[in-house]
Amino acid sequence: MDESSPALDIAAPLARLARTASGEFTSEDMLRELCYAGHALGIAGAGVMQVDAERVGFVHADAGFAEVERLQEQLQRGPCIDSVSKRAPVVVDDIGAEDR
């Protein structure tokens, strides 16, 4: 198998996630690793928001995406908020063109 193989692309993040899950970890550790594992799927970045009874709040995001996630938390607007209200995934092809 050559180094550009898709199996190698997904193996590293899954191994890292498994190592985290098999040791002592916090929920923050797992959420961080899940964001990292998303890179194996070809995404540029990922974030995690938490939903409580009244608000959607920032938990973790990849470098470069934390500011966007925090802004969504502050404004209670954006693709993450839409995803929660629709109870469905929301895909953003170009975060720079996003107007929510």
N, C-alpha and C. Protein backbone atom coordinates (compact mmCIF):
# COMPACT_ATOMS: atom_id res chain seq x y z
N MET A 1 0.84 -1.16 0.00
CA MET A 1 0.00 0.00 0.00
C MET A 1 0.89 1.24 0.00
N ASP A 2 0.64 2.18 -0.91
CA ASP A 2 1.48 3.37 -0.95
C ASP A 2 0.99 4.40 0.07
N GLU A 3 1.80 5.44 0.29
CA GLU A 3 1.52 6.40 1.34
C GLU A 3 0.34 7.32 1.04
N SER A 4 -0.13 7.35 -0.21
CA SER A 4 -1.27 8.19 -0.53
C SER A 4 -2.58 7.40 -0.44
N SER A 5 -2.51 6.19 0.03
CA SER A 5 -3.68 5.33 0.12
C SER A 5 -4.71 5.88 1.09
N PRO A 6 -6.02 5.81 0.73
CA PRO A 6 -7.07 6.27 1.65
C PRO A 6 -7.05 5.52 2.98
N ALA A 7 -6.64 4.25 2.98
CA ALA A 7 -6.59 3.48 4.22
C ALA A 7 -5.60 4.11 5.19
N LEU A 8 -4.48 4.62 4.69
CA LEU A 8 -3.52 5.29 5.56
C LEU A 8 -4.06 6.63 6.04
N ASP A 9 -4.85 7.30 5.22
CA ASP A 9 -5.42 8.59 5.61
C ASP A 9 -6.35 8.46 6.80
N ILE A 10 -7.07 7.38 6.88
CA ILE A 10 -8.02 7.20 7.97
C ILE A 10 -7.41 6.46 9.16
N ALA A 11 -6.35 5.71 8.94
CA ALA A 11 -5.76 4.89 10.00
C ALA A 11 -5.20 5.74 11.15
N ALA A 12 -4.47 6.79 10.84
CA ALA A 12 -3.83 7.59 11.89
C ALA A 12 -4.85 8.25 12.82
N PRO A 13 -5.87 8.95 12.28
CA PRO A 13 -6.83 9.56 13.21
C PRO A 13 -7.63 8.53 14.00
N LEU A 14 -7.96 7.41 13.39
CA LEU A 14 -8.70 6.38 14.13
C LEU A 14 -7.84 5.76 15.22
N ALA A 15 -6.56 5.54 14.94
CA ALA A 15 -5.65 5.01 15.96
C ALA A 15 -5.51 5.99 17.11
N ARG A 16 -5.40 7.26 16.79
CA ARG A 16 -5.28 8.30 17.82
C ARG A 16 -6.55 8.36 18.67
N LEU A 17 -7.71 8.25 18.04
CA LEU A 17 -8.98 8.23 18.76
C LEU A 17 -9.08 7.01 19.67
N ALA A 18 -8.66 5.86 19.17
CA ALA A 18 -8.69 4.62 19.97
C ALA A 18 -7.75 4.72 21.17
N ARG A 19 -6.56 5.30 20.98
CA ARG A 19 -5.63 5.46 22.10
C ARG A 19 -6.23 6.36 23.17
N THR A 20 -6.89 7.42 22.75
CA THR A 20 -7.52 8.33 23.71
C THR A 20 -8.63 7.61 24.46
N ALA A 21 -9.46 6.87 23.74
CA ALA A 21 -10.60 6.19 24.36
C ALA A 21 -10.19 5.05 25.28
N SER A 22 -9.02 4.48 25.07
CA SER A 22 -8.59 3.34 25.89
C SER A 22 -7.82 3.75 27.14
N GLY A 23 -7.55 5.04 27.29
CA GLY A 23 -6.84 5.51 28.48
C GLY A 23 -7.73 6.39 29.32
N GLU A 24 -7.12 7.10 30.24
CA GLU A 24 -7.88 8.07 31.02
C GLU A 24 -8.08 9.29 30.14
N PHE A 25 -9.32 9.69 29.99
CA PHE A 25 -9.62 10.82 29.13
C PHE A 25 -10.80 11.60 29.67
N THR A 26 -10.86 12.84 29.27
CA THR A 26 -12.01 13.68 29.62
C THR A 26 -12.93 13.75 28.39
N SER A 27 -14.12 14.23 28.58
CA SER A 27 -15.01 14.40 27.43
C SER A 27 -14.40 15.40 26.45
N GLU A 28 -13.70 16.39 26.96
CA GLU A 28 -13.02 17.37 26.10
C GLU A 28 -11.97 16.68 25.23
N ASP A 29 -11.22 15.73 25.80
CA ASP A 29 -10.23 14.97 25.03
C ASP A 29 -10.89 14.24 23.87
N MET A 30 -12.01 13.57 24.15
CA MET A 30 -12.70 12.80 23.11
C MET A 30 -13.25 13.71 22.03
N LEU A 31 -13.82 14.83 22.40
CA LEU A 31 -14.37 15.75 21.41
C LEU A 31 -13.27 16.33 20.53
N ARG A 32 -12.13 16.62 21.12
CA ARG A 32 -10.98 17.12 20.35
C ARG A 32 -10.54 16.06 19.34
N GLU A 33 -10.46 14.81 19.79
CA GLU A 33 -10.03 13.73 18.89
C GLU A 33 -11.06 13.47 17.79
N LEU A 34 -12.34 13.62 18.11
CA LEU A 34 -13.35 13.46 17.06
C LEU A 34 -13.22 14.53 15.99
N CYS A 35 -12.90 15.76 16.40
CA CYS A 35 -12.67 16.83 15.42
C CYS A 35 -11.47 16.47 14.54
N TYR A 36 -10.40 15.99 15.16
CA TYR A 36 -9.21 15.59 14.41
C TYR A 36 -9.52 14.44 13.45
N ALA A 37 -10.31 13.47 13.91
CA ALA A 37 -10.65 12.31 13.08
C ALA A 37 -11.42 12.71 11.83
N GLY A 38 -12.13 13.82 11.90
CA GLY A 38 -12.87 14.29 10.74
C GLY A 38 -11.99 14.59 9.55
N HIS A 39 -10.73 14.90 9.78
CA HIS A 39 -9.81 15.19 8.68
C HIS A 39 -9.65 13.98 7.77
N ALA A 40 -9.82 12.78 8.31
CA ALA A 40 -9.73 11.57 7.50
C ALA A 40 -10.85 11.52 6.47
N LEU A 41 -11.90 12.27 6.70
CA LEU A 41 -13.03 12.30 5.76
C LEU A 41 -12.88 13.41 4.73
N GLY A 42 -11.77 14.12 4.79
CA GLY A 42 -11.50 15.16 3.80
C GLY A 42 -12.08 16.52 4.14
N ILE A 43 -12.50 16.72 5.38
CA ILE A 43 -13.03 18.03 5.75
C ILE A 43 -11.89 18.95 6.17
N ALA A 44 -12.09 20.23 6.01
CA ALA A 44 -11.06 21.21 6.36
C ALA A 44 -11.00 21.47 7.85
N GLY A 45 -12.11 21.28 8.53
CA GLY A 45 -12.14 21.53 9.96
C GLY A 45 -13.45 21.09 10.56
N ALA A 46 -13.47 21.01 11.86
CA ALA A 46 -14.67 20.57 12.56
C ALA A 46 -14.78 21.28 13.90
N GLY A 47 -15.98 21.34 14.39
CA GLY A 47 -16.22 21.92 15.70
C GLY A 47 -17.32 21.15 16.39
N VAL A 48 -17.38 21.32 17.70
CA VAL A 48 -18.40 20.67 18.51
C VAL A 48 -19.10 21.74 19.32
N MET A 49 -20.42 21.72 19.26
CA MET A 49 -21.24 22.62 20.05
C MET A 49 -22.08 21.76 20.99
N GLN A 50 -22.41 22.31 22.13
CA GLN A 50 -23.22 21.61 23.13
C GLN A 50 -24.58 22.30 23.21
N VAL A 51 -25.62 21.50 23.30
CA VAL A 51 -26.97 22.06 23.37
C VAL A 51 -27.51 21.86 24.78
N ASP A 52 -27.97 22.96 25.38
CA ASP A 52 -28.69 22.84 26.64
C ASP A 52 -30.12 23.32 26.40
N ALA A 53 -30.88 23.48 27.42
CA ALA A 53 -32.29 23.83 27.26
C ALA A 53 -32.51 25.16 26.54
N GLU A 54 -31.55 26.07 26.65
CA GLU A 54 -31.79 27.41 26.12
C GLU A 54 -30.82 27.86 25.04
N ARG A 55 -29.61 27.30 25.02
CA ARG A 55 -28.59 27.83 24.11
C ARG A 55 -27.75 26.71 23.51
N VAL A 56 -27.11 27.05 22.41
CA VAL A 56 -26.08 26.20 21.82
C VAL A 56 -24.76 26.84 22.20
N GLY A 57 -23.84 26.06 22.79
CA GLY A 57 -22.59 26.62 23.27
C GLY A 57 -21.37 25.94 22.69
N PHE A 58 -20.30 26.68 22.56
CA PHE A 58 -19.02 26.20 22.04
C PHE A 58 -18.37 25.22 23.00
N VAL A 59 -17.83 24.13 22.46
CA VAL A 59 -17.08 23.17 23.25
C VAL A 59 -15.65 23.06 22.73
N HIS A 60 -15.49 22.74 21.45
CA HIS A 60 -14.15 22.58 20.87
C HIS A 60 -14.23 22.74 19.36
N ALA A 61 -13.12 23.20 18.78
CA ALA A 61 -13.00 23.30 17.32
C ALA A 61 -11.54 23.23 16.93
N ASP A 62 -11.31 22.80 15.70
CA ASP A 62 -9.96 22.79 15.15
C ASP A 62 -9.43 24.22 15.11
N ALA A 63 -8.10 24.33 15.11
CA ALA A 63 -7.46 25.64 14.97
C ALA A 63 -8.00 26.32 13.72
N GLY A 64 -8.30 27.58 13.83
CA GLY A 64 -8.84 28.31 12.69
C GLY A 64 -10.35 28.31 12.64
N PHE A 65 -10.99 27.40 13.34
CA PHE A 65 -12.45 27.33 13.33
C PHE A 65 -13.05 27.75 14.67
N ALA A 66 -12.24 27.83 15.70
CA ALA A 66 -12.75 28.18 17.03
C ALA A 66 -13.42 29.55 17.04
N GLU A 67 -12.85 30.51 16.33
CA GLU A 67 -13.42 31.86 16.29
C GLU A 67 -14.81 31.83 15.66
N VAL A 68 -14.97 31.05 14.61
CA VAL A 68 -16.27 30.93 13.95
C VAL A 68 -17.28 30.27 14.88
N GLU A 69 -16.85 29.23 15.58
CA GLU A 69 -17.75 28.54 16.51
C GLU A 69 -18.16 29.46 17.66
N ARG A 70 -17.20 30.22 18.19
CA ARG A 70 -17.52 31.14 19.29
C ARG A 70 -18.47 32.25 18.84
N LEU A 71 -18.30 32.71 17.62
CA LEU A 71 -19.19 33.74 17.08
C LEU A 71 -20.61 33.18 16.94
N GLN A 72 -20.74 31.95 16.48
CA GLN A 72 -22.07 31.33 16.39
C GLN A 72 -22.71 31.22 17.78
N GLU A 73 -21.89 30.87 18.76
CA GLU A 73 -22.40 30.78 20.12
C GLU A 73 -22.91 32.14 20.59
N GLN A 74 -22.13 33.17 20.35
CA GLN A 74 -22.49 34.51 20.79
C GLN A 74 -23.76 35.01 20.11
N LEU A 75 -23.85 34.82 18.79
CA LEU A 75 -24.98 35.33 18.02
C LEU A 75 -26.18 34.39 18.02
N GLN A 76 -25.94 33.12 18.36
CA GLN A 76 -26.97 32.09 18.25
C GLN A 76 -27.54 32.06 16.83
N ARG A 77 -26.63 32.18 15.85
CA ARG A 77 -26.93 32.10 14.42
C ARG A 77 -25.79 31.39 13.75
N GLY A 78 -26.08 30.72 12.66
CA GLY A 78 -25.04 30.08 11.85
C GLY A 78 -25.37 28.64 11.55
N PRO A 79 -24.48 27.97 10.83
CA PRO A 79 -24.75 26.60 10.40
C PRO A 79 -24.92 25.61 11.56
N CYS A 80 -24.18 25.78 12.63
CA CYS A 80 -24.34 24.88 13.79
C CYS A 80 -25.70 25.06 14.43
N ILE A 81 -26.12 26.30 14.57
CA ILE A 81 -27.42 26.60 15.16
C ILE A 81 -28.52 26.04 14.25
N ASP A 82 -28.35 26.20 12.93
CA ASP A 82 -29.32 25.65 11.98
C ASP A 82 -29.39 24.14 12.08
N SER A 83 -28.24 23.50 12.24
CA SER A 83 -28.19 22.04 12.35
C SER A 83 -28.97 21.56 13.57
N VAL A 84 -28.82 22.27 14.67
CA VAL A 84 -29.54 21.92 15.89
C VAL A 84 -31.04 22.10 15.68
N SER A 85 -31.44 23.23 15.13
CA SER A 85 -32.88 23.49 14.97
C SER A 85 -33.52 22.54 13.95
N LYS A 86 -32.77 22.17 12.91
CA LYS A 86 -33.30 21.26 11.88
C LYS A 86 -33.13 19.79 12.26
N ARG A 87 -32.27 19.56 13.28
CA ARG A 87 -31.93 18.19 13.68
C ARG A 87 -31.40 17.38 12.49
N ALA A 88 -30.51 18.05 11.75
CA ALA A 88 -29.91 17.44 10.56
C ALA A 88 -28.56 18.09 10.29
N PRO A 89 -27.66 17.37 9.64
CA PRO A 89 -26.36 17.96 9.30
C PRO A 89 -26.51 19.16 8.37
N VAL A 90 -25.62 20.12 8.53
CA VAL A 90 -25.54 21.26 7.63
C VAL A 90 -24.11 21.30 7.10
N VAL A 91 -23.98 21.26 5.80
CA VAL A 91 -22.66 21.27 5.17
C VAL A 91 -22.38 22.68 4.67
N VAL A 92 -21.18 23.17 4.96
CA VAL A 92 -20.75 24.47 4.50
C VAL A 92 -19.57 24.25 3.56
N ASP A 93 -19.77 24.53 2.28
CA ASP A 93 -18.70 24.31 1.30
C ASP A 93 -17.60 25.37 1.38
N ASP A 94 -17.97 26.60 1.72
CA ASP A 94 -16.99 27.69 1.80
C ASP A 94 -17.35 28.57 2.98
N ILE A 95 -16.65 28.39 4.10
CA ILE A 95 -16.95 29.15 5.30
C ILE A 95 -16.76 30.66 5.08
N GLY A 96 -15.88 31.03 4.16
CA GLY A 96 -15.65 32.44 3.85
C GLY A 96 -16.84 33.10 3.16
N ALA A 97 -17.66 32.30 2.49
CA ALA A 97 -18.83 32.83 1.81
C ALA A 97 -20.09 32.71 2.66
N GLU A 98 -19.94 32.16 3.84
CA GLU A 98 -21.08 31.93 4.73
C GLU A 98 -21.64 33.26 5.22
N ASP A 99 -22.95 33.48 5.09
CA ASP A 99 -23.54 34.74 5.53
C ASP A 99 -24.43 34.60 6.76
N ARG A 100 -24.48 33.39 7.31
CA ARG A 100 -25.29 33.24 8.53
C ARG A 100 -24.48 33.73 9.69
